[in-house]
Amino acid sequence: MRVDLYLMQDPEPQSTGIMICRLLEKAYIRGHRVFVFCSNEPEANLLDDLLWNYKDDSFVPHHLQGEGPVPPPPIQIGYNEPKGFNDLLLNMSAVVPDFYHRFKRVLQVVSADETSKEIAREHYRTYRAQGCEIHTHQV
């Protein structure tokens, strides 16, 4: 399994949110189905709001887990194990979810702050111990 870690250089918190929106937009344009795993409901709601306001000339079809149409749009945001998604997992959580193995690829954006970097180091060790192919990208 491939894991891509996007290491943010810009310390501004909004830079991480913008990068996440760019990744989701790119994945949508390329026809992927993405589950965004958040730590909690407020984090999921924040990303939902950010995607609605990300760009005036862009629309990324998404919804919060448990809401919206059936079948769901290509991007679902939640904090519980997803149903029906197994293409891309964007992990925004402080933990590596037990269900990550069922996805084809994992993405994670790492903010420039020390707490985020330490969480990413733990995730890196977990992924490496599980035999994942890890790629890092300086952003």
N, C-alpha and C. Protein backbone atom coordinates (compact mmCIF):
# COMPACT_ATOMS: atom_id res chain seq x y z
N MET A 1 0.84 -1.17 0.00
CA MET A 1 0.00 0.00 0.00
C MET A 1 0.89 1.24 0.00
N ARG A 2 0.44 2.25 -0.72
CA ARG A 2 1.18 3.50 -0.81
C ARG A 2 0.62 4.51 0.18
N VAL A 3 1.54 5.19 0.88
CA VAL A 3 1.19 6.27 1.81
C VAL A 3 1.95 7.51 1.38
N ASP A 4 1.23 8.62 1.18
CA ASP A 4 1.85 9.89 0.80
C ASP A 4 1.69 10.88 1.94
N LEU A 5 2.83 11.37 2.45
CA LEU A 5 2.84 12.38 3.50
C LEU A 5 3.25 13.71 2.87
N TYR A 6 2.39 14.70 3.01
CA TYR A 6 2.64 16.04 2.48
C TYR A 6 3.07 16.93 3.63
N LEU A 7 4.36 17.28 3.65
CA LEU A 7 4.93 18.04 4.76
C LEU A 7 4.89 19.53 4.46
N MET A 8 4.05 20.24 5.19
CA MET A 8 3.87 21.67 4.98
C MET A 8 5.08 22.44 5.50
N GLN A 9 5.52 23.42 4.74
CA GLN A 9 6.62 24.28 5.16
C GLN A 9 6.09 25.59 5.74
N ASP A 10 4.92 26.02 5.26
CA ASP A 10 4.30 27.27 5.70
C ASP A 10 3.66 27.05 7.07
N PRO A 11 4.05 27.83 8.07
CA PRO A 11 3.51 27.63 9.41
C PRO A 11 2.08 28.15 9.62
N GLU A 12 1.54 28.87 8.65
CA GLU A 12 0.18 29.40 8.78
C GLU A 12 -0.84 28.26 8.76
N PRO A 13 -1.73 28.20 9.76
CA PRO A 13 -2.71 27.10 9.84
C PRO A 13 -3.60 26.98 8.60
N GLN A 14 -3.97 28.11 7.99
CA GLN A 14 -4.86 28.04 6.82
C GLN A 14 -4.17 27.38 5.62
N SER A 15 -2.84 27.36 5.60
CA SER A 15 -2.12 26.71 4.50
C SER A 15 -2.42 25.22 4.45
N THR A 16 -2.52 24.60 5.61
CA THR A 16 -2.82 23.17 5.67
C THR A 16 -4.22 22.91 5.13
N GLY A 17 -5.20 23.71 5.53
CA GLY A 17 -6.56 23.57 5.03
C GLY A 17 -6.65 23.73 3.53
N ILE A 18 -5.94 24.70 3.00
CA ILE A 18 -5.93 24.93 1.55
C ILE A 18 -5.30 23.74 0.83
N MET A 19 -4.23 23.21 1.38
CA MET A 19 -3.58 22.05 0.76
C MET A 19 -4.51 20.85 0.76
N ILE A 20 -5.23 20.63 1.84
CA ILE A 20 -6.19 19.52 1.91
C ILE A 20 -7.26 19.70 0.84
N CYS A 21 -7.78 20.92 0.69
CA CYS A 21 -8.79 21.18 -0.34
C CYS A 21 -8.23 20.94 -1.74
N ARG A 22 -7.00 21.35 -1.98
CA ARG A 22 -6.37 21.11 -3.29
C ARG A 22 -6.24 19.62 -3.58
N LEU A 23 -5.81 18.86 -2.58
CA LEU A 23 -5.69 17.40 -2.77
C LEU A 23 -7.05 16.77 -3.07
N LEU A 24 -8.07 17.20 -2.35
CA LEU A 24 -9.41 16.66 -2.58
C LEU A 24 -9.94 17.04 -3.95
N GLU A 25 -9.71 18.28 -4.36
CA GLU A 25 -10.14 18.72 -5.69
C GLU A 25 -9.42 17.91 -6.78
N LYS A 26 -8.14 17.72 -6.62
CA LYS A 26 -7.35 16.95 -7.59
C LYS A 26 -7.84 15.50 -7.66
N ALA A 27 -8.09 14.91 -6.49
CA ALA A 27 -8.58 13.52 -6.46
C ALA A 27 -9.94 13.42 -7.14
N TYR A 28 -10.82 14.39 -6.88
CA TYR A 28 -12.15 14.40 -7.50
C TYR A 28 -12.03 14.50 -9.02
N ILE A 29 -11.21 15.42 -9.49
CA ILE A 29 -11.03 15.61 -10.94
C ILE A 29 -10.51 14.33 -11.59
N ARG A 30 -9.68 13.59 -10.88
CA ARG A 30 -9.11 12.35 -11.41
C ARG A 30 -10.01 11.14 -11.22
N GLY A 31 -11.20 11.36 -10.67
CA GLY A 31 -12.18 10.28 -10.57
C GLY A 31 -12.06 9.40 -9.35
N HIS A 32 -11.33 9.83 -8.35
CA HIS A 32 -11.19 9.04 -7.12
C HIS A 32 -12.36 9.26 -6.17
N ARG A 33 -12.55 8.27 -5.31
CA ARG A 33 -13.50 8.38 -4.19
C ARG A 33 -12.66 8.44 -2.93
N VAL A 34 -12.90 9.47 -2.13
CA VAL A 34 -12.05 9.74 -0.97
C VAL A 34 -12.87 9.76 0.31
N PHE A 35 -12.36 9.06 1.32
CA PHE A 35 -12.91 9.21 2.66
C PHE A 35 -11.91 10.01 3.47
N VAL A 36 -12.38 11.12 4.06
CA VAL A 36 -11.54 11.96 4.90
C VAL A 36 -11.84 11.59 6.35
N PHE A 37 -10.85 11.02 7.02
CA PHE A 37 -11.02 10.60 8.40
C PHE A 37 -10.53 11.70 9.33
N CYS A 38 -11.46 12.27 10.09
CA CYS A 38 -11.17 13.34 11.04
C CYS A 38 -11.15 12.79 12.46
N SER A 39 -10.61 13.58 13.37
CA SER A 39 -10.54 13.17 14.78
C SER A 39 -11.89 13.23 15.47
N ASN A 40 -12.74 14.18 15.02
CA ASN A 40 -14.00 14.41 15.73
C ASN A 40 -14.97 15.20 14.85
N GLU A 41 -16.17 15.39 15.35
CA GLU A 41 -17.21 16.09 14.60
C GLU A 41 -16.86 17.55 14.30
N PRO A 42 -16.35 18.32 15.27
CA PRO A 42 -15.98 19.71 14.94
C PRO A 42 -14.94 19.81 13.82
N GLU A 43 -13.97 18.92 13.82
CA GLU A 43 -12.96 18.92 12.76
C GLU A 43 -13.60 18.60 11.41
N ALA A 44 -14.50 17.63 11.38
CA ALA A 44 -15.21 17.27 10.15
C ALA A 44 -16.05 18.45 9.65
N ASN A 45 -16.75 19.12 10.55
CA ASN A 45 -17.57 20.28 10.17
C ASN A 45 -16.71 21.42 9.64
N LEU A 46 -15.54 21.62 10.23
CA LEU A 46 -14.63 22.67 9.78
C LEU A 46 -14.18 22.42 8.35
N LEU A 47 -13.80 21.17 8.05
CA LEU A 47 -13.39 20.84 6.68
C LEU A 47 -14.56 20.97 5.71
N ASP A 48 -15.74 20.54 6.12
CA ASP A 48 -16.94 20.68 5.29
C ASP A 48 -17.13 22.15 4.91
N ASP A 49 -17.07 23.03 5.88
CA ASP A 49 -17.22 24.47 5.63
C ASP A 49 -16.11 24.99 4.72
N LEU A 50 -14.90 24.55 4.96
CA LEU A 50 -13.76 24.99 4.16
C LEU A 50 -13.93 24.59 2.69
N LEU A 51 -14.41 23.38 2.45
CA LEU A 51 -14.61 22.93 1.06
C LEU A 51 -15.70 23.76 0.35
N TRP A 52 -16.73 24.17 1.09
CA TRP A 52 -17.77 24.99 0.47
C TRP A 52 -17.23 26.36 0.07
N ASN A 53 -16.23 26.87 0.79
CA ASN A 53 -15.72 28.22 0.55
C ASN A 53 -14.33 28.25 -0.04
N TYR A 54 -13.81 27.12 -0.41
CA TYR A 54 -12.42 26.99 -0.86
C TYR A 54 -12.10 27.86 -2.06
N LYS A 55 -12.86 27.76 -3.13
CA LYS A 55 -12.64 28.55 -4.34
C LYS A 55 -13.99 28.92 -4.93
N ASP A 56 -14.09 30.14 -5.41
CA ASP A 56 -15.35 30.58 -6.02
C ASP A 56 -15.66 29.83 -7.31
N ASP A 57 -14.62 29.43 -8.04
CA ASP A 57 -14.83 28.80 -9.35
C ASP A 57 -14.68 27.28 -9.31
N SER A 58 -14.80 26.69 -8.13
CA SER A 58 -14.61 25.25 -8.01
C SER A 58 -15.70 24.66 -7.12
N PHE A 59 -16.14 23.45 -7.48
CA PHE A 59 -17.07 22.72 -6.63
C PHE A 59 -16.55 21.31 -6.47
N VAL A 60 -16.34 20.91 -5.25
CA VAL A 60 -15.89 19.56 -4.94
C VAL A 60 -17.05 18.86 -4.24
N PRO A 61 -17.76 17.93 -4.93
CA PRO A 61 -18.90 17.26 -4.33
C PRO A 61 -18.49 16.45 -3.10
N HIS A 62 -19.10 16.77 -1.97
CA HIS A 62 -18.74 16.13 -0.72
C HIS A 62 -19.93 16.19 0.23
N HIS A 63 -19.83 15.43 1.29
CA HIS A 63 -20.81 15.53 2.36
C HIS A 63 -20.24 14.93 3.63
N LEU A 64 -20.92 15.24 4.72
CA LEU A 64 -20.53 14.67 6.00
C LEU A 64 -21.09 13.26 6.11
N GLN A 65 -20.34 12.39 6.73
CA GLN A 65 -20.75 11.00 6.94
C GLN A 65 -22.12 10.98 7.63
N GLY A 66 -23.02 10.18 7.08
CA GLY A 66 -24.36 10.06 7.66
C GLY A 66 -25.35 11.06 7.12
N GLU A 67 -24.91 11.99 6.30
CA GLU A 67 -25.80 12.97 5.68
C GLU A 67 -25.74 12.79 4.17
N GLY A 68 -26.64 13.47 3.50
CA GLY A 68 -26.55 13.52 2.05
C GLY A 68 -27.20 12.37 1.34
N PRO A 69 -27.01 12.33 0.02
CA PRO A 69 -27.70 11.36 -0.83
C PRO A 69 -27.09 9.97 -0.76
N VAL A 70 -27.86 9.02 -1.29
CA VAL A 70 -27.38 7.65 -1.47
C VAL A 70 -27.48 7.36 -2.95
N PRO A 71 -26.42 6.99 -3.63
CA PRO A 71 -25.08 6.81 -3.10
C PRO A 71 -24.43 8.16 -2.77
N PRO A 72 -23.43 8.16 -1.91
CA PRO A 72 -22.79 9.40 -1.51
C PRO A 72 -21.93 10.00 -2.63
N PRO A 73 -21.66 11.30 -2.53
CA PRO A 73 -20.75 11.91 -3.50
C PRO A 73 -19.34 11.32 -3.35
N PRO A 74 -18.44 11.68 -4.26
CA PRO A 74 -17.11 11.05 -4.26
C PRO A 74 -16.25 11.35 -3.04
N ILE A 75 -16.60 12.37 -2.28
CA ILE A 75 -15.81 12.71 -1.10
C ILE A 75 -16.73 12.72 0.12
N GLN A 76 -16.36 11.91 1.10
CA GLN A 76 -17.12 11.84 2.34
C GLN A 76 -16.18 12.20 3.49
N ILE A 77 -16.69 13.02 4.41
CA ILE A 77 -15.91 13.48 5.55
C ILE A 77 -16.56 12.91 6.81
N GLY A 78 -15.76 12.26 7.66
CA GLY A 78 -16.33 11.69 8.87
C GLY A 78 -15.30 11.36 9.91
N TYR A 79 -15.77 10.82 11.01
CA TYR A 79 -14.90 10.45 12.12
C TYR A 79 -15.21 9.05 12.64
N ASN A 80 -15.99 8.30 11.88
CA ASN A 80 -16.27 6.89 12.16
C ASN A 80 -15.84 6.06 10.95
N GLU A 81 -15.73 4.77 11.14
CA GLU A 81 -15.34 3.91 10.02
C GLU A 81 -16.33 4.06 8.88
N PRO A 82 -15.83 4.25 7.65
CA PRO A 82 -16.73 4.47 6.51
C PRO A 82 -17.30 3.17 5.96
N LYS A 83 -18.40 3.32 5.24
CA LYS A 83 -18.99 2.20 4.51
C LYS A 83 -18.94 2.56 3.03
N GLY A 84 -18.50 1.63 2.21
CA GLY A 84 -18.52 1.82 0.78
C GLY A 84 -17.35 2.59 0.20
N PHE A 85 -16.38 2.96 0.99
CA PHE A 85 -15.21 3.68 0.47
C PHE A 85 -13.98 2.81 0.66
N ASN A 86 -13.16 2.69 -0.41
CA ASN A 86 -11.93 1.91 -0.31
C ASN A 86 -10.86 2.38 -1.29
N ASP A 87 -11.05 3.54 -1.89
CA ASP A 87 -10.09 4.06 -2.87
C ASP A 87 -8.99 4.85 -2.15
N LEU A 88 -9.26 6.09 -1.79
CA LEU A 88 -8.28 6.92 -1.10
C LEU A 88 -8.77 7.27 0.30
N LEU A 89 -7.85 7.25 1.24
CA LEU A 89 -8.12 7.68 2.61
C LEU A 89 -7.24 8.89 2.88
N LEU A 90 -7.87 10.01 3.21
CA LEU A 90 -7.12 11.19 3.66
C LEU A 90 -7.24 11.21 5.18
N ASN A 91 -6.14 10.91 5.85
CA ASN A 91 -6.16 10.82 7.31
C ASN A 91 -5.82 12.16 7.93
N MET A 92 -6.81 12.78 8.58
CA MET A 92 -6.59 14.03 9.32
C MET A 92 -6.56 13.76 10.82
N SER A 93 -6.72 12.53 11.21
CA SER A 93 -6.82 12.16 12.61
C SER A 93 -5.44 12.05 13.27
N ALA A 94 -5.43 12.11 14.58
CA ALA A 94 -4.20 11.92 15.34
C ALA A 94 -3.82 10.45 15.46
N VAL A 95 -4.67 9.56 14.97
CA VAL A 95 -4.39 8.13 15.01
C VAL A 95 -4.42 7.55 13.59
N VAL A 96 -3.75 6.44 13.43
CA VAL A 96 -3.86 5.67 12.19
C VAL A 96 -5.05 4.75 12.40
N PRO A 97 -6.12 4.91 11.60
CA PRO A 97 -7.31 4.09 11.83
C PRO A 97 -7.07 2.62 11.49
N ASP A 98 -7.73 1.75 12.24
CA ASP A 98 -7.58 0.31 12.02
C ASP A 98 -8.00 -0.12 10.62
N PHE A 99 -8.90 0.64 10.01
CA PHE A 99 -9.45 0.26 8.70
C PHE A 99 -8.63 0.77 7.53
N TYR A 100 -7.50 1.40 7.75
CA TYR A 100 -6.74 1.99 6.64
C TYR A 100 -6.29 0.95 5.63
N HIS A 101 -6.13 -0.32 6.04
CA HIS A 101 -5.65 -1.37 5.14
C HIS A 101 -6.57 -1.61 3.95
N ARG A 102 -7.82 -1.31 4.10
CA ARG A 102 -8.75 -1.62 3.00
C ARG A 102 -8.72 -0.58 1.88
N PHE A 103 -7.98 0.50 2.08
CA PHE A 103 -7.86 1.53 1.06
C PHE A 103 -6.66 1.26 0.16
N LYS A 104 -6.74 1.74 -1.07
CA LYS A 104 -5.65 1.57 -2.03
C LYS A 104 -4.48 2.49 -1.72
N ARG A 105 -4.79 3.65 -1.13
CA ARG A 105 -3.75 4.65 -0.88
C ARG A 105 -4.18 5.53 0.28
N VAL A 106 -3.18 5.97 1.06
CA VAL A 106 -3.43 6.86 2.19
C VAL A 106 -2.69 8.17 1.94
N LEU A 107 -3.38 9.28 2.20
CA LEU A 107 -2.80 10.62 2.10
C LEU A 107 -2.85 11.25 3.48
N GLN A 108 -1.83 12.03 3.80
CA GLN A 108 -1.84 12.75 5.07
C GLN A 108 -1.07 14.05 4.89
N VAL A 109 -1.70 15.16 5.26
CA VAL A 109 -1.06 16.46 5.22
C VAL A 109 -0.57 16.77 6.62
N VAL A 110 0.71 17.12 6.72
CA VAL A 110 1.34 17.37 8.02
C VAL A 110 1.63 18.85 8.16
N SER A 111 0.97 19.49 9.12
CA SER A 111 1.19 20.91 9.38
C SER A 111 2.62 21.12 9.87
N ALA A 112 3.07 22.37 9.80
CA ALA A 112 4.45 22.69 10.14
C ALA A 112 4.70 22.77 11.65
N ASP A 113 3.66 22.70 12.48
CA ASP A 113 3.86 22.80 13.93
C ASP A 113 4.43 21.50 14.50
N GLU A 114 5.10 21.60 15.63
CA GLU A 114 5.78 20.45 16.22
C GLU A 114 4.84 19.32 16.64
N THR A 115 3.66 19.66 17.14
CA THR A 115 2.71 18.61 17.54
C THR A 115 2.31 17.76 16.33
N SER A 116 2.00 18.41 15.22
CA SER A 116 1.63 17.69 13.99
C SER A 116 2.79 16.85 13.47
N LYS A 117 3.99 17.38 13.56
CA LYS A 117 5.15 16.63 13.10
C LYS A 117 5.37 15.38 13.95
N GLU A 118 5.17 15.49 15.25
CA GLU A 118 5.36 14.33 16.14
C GLU A 118 4.30 13.26 15.85
N ILE A 119 3.06 13.69 15.63
CA ILE A 119 2.00 12.74 15.26
C ILE A 119 2.36 12.05 13.95
N ALA A 120 2.87 12.81 12.99
CA ALA A 120 3.25 12.25 11.69
C ALA A 120 4.40 11.25 11.84
N ARG A 121 5.32 11.54 12.73
CA ARG A 121 6.42 10.59 12.96
C ARG A 121 5.89 9.25 13.49
N GLU A 122 4.93 9.33 14.41
CA GLU A 122 4.30 8.10 14.94
C GLU A 122 3.58 7.35 13.82
N HIS A 123 2.85 8.08 12.99
CA HIS A 123 2.15 7.46 11.87
C HIS A 123 3.14 6.81 10.92
N TYR A 124 4.24 7.52 10.64
CA TYR A 124 5.27 7.01 9.75
C TYR A 124 5.79 5.66 10.27
N ARG A 125 6.07 5.61 11.57
CA ARG A 125 6.57 4.36 12.16
C ARG A 125 5.53 3.24 12.03
N THR A 126 4.27 3.57 12.24
CA THR A 126 3.20 2.57 12.11
C THR A 126 3.10 2.07 10.68
N TYR A 127 3.07 2.98 9.73
CA TYR A 127 2.97 2.58 8.32
C TYR A 127 4.18 1.75 7.90
N ARG A 128 5.36 2.19 8.31
CA ARG A 128 6.59 1.47 7.94
C ARG A 128 6.58 0.06 8.53
N ALA A 129 6.16 -0.07 9.79
CA ALA A 129 6.10 -1.39 10.43
C ALA A 129 5.11 -2.31 9.74
N GLN A 130 4.09 -1.73 9.08
CA GLN A 130 3.09 -2.51 8.37
C GLN A 130 3.51 -2.80 6.93
N GLY A 131 4.70 -2.35 6.53
CA GLY A 131 5.22 -2.63 5.20
C GLY A 131 4.70 -1.72 4.10
N CYS A 132 4.20 -0.56 4.46
CA CYS A 132 3.68 0.38 3.47
C CYS A 132 4.82 1.05 2.70
N GLU A 133 4.54 1.42 1.47
CA GLU A 133 5.48 2.17 0.63
C GLU A 133 5.21 3.66 0.91
N ILE A 134 6.15 4.32 1.61
CA ILE A 134 5.93 5.69 2.08
C ILE A 134 6.66 6.68 1.18
N HIS A 135 5.91 7.72 0.77
CA HIS A 135 6.49 8.80 -0.03
C HIS A 135 6.26 10.10 0.71
N THR A 136 7.29 10.92 0.84
CA THR A 136 7.13 12.23 1.47
C THR A 136 7.28 13.32 0.43
N HIS A 137 6.50 14.37 0.59
CA HIS A 137 6.49 15.50 -0.35
C HIS A 137 6.62 16.79 0.47
N GLN A 138 7.62 17.58 0.16
CA GLN A 138 7.76 18.90 0.80
C GLN A 138 6.84 19.87 0.06
N VAL A 139 5.96 20.53 0.79
CA VAL A 139 4.99 21.43 0.18
C VAL A 139 5.23 22.84 0.70
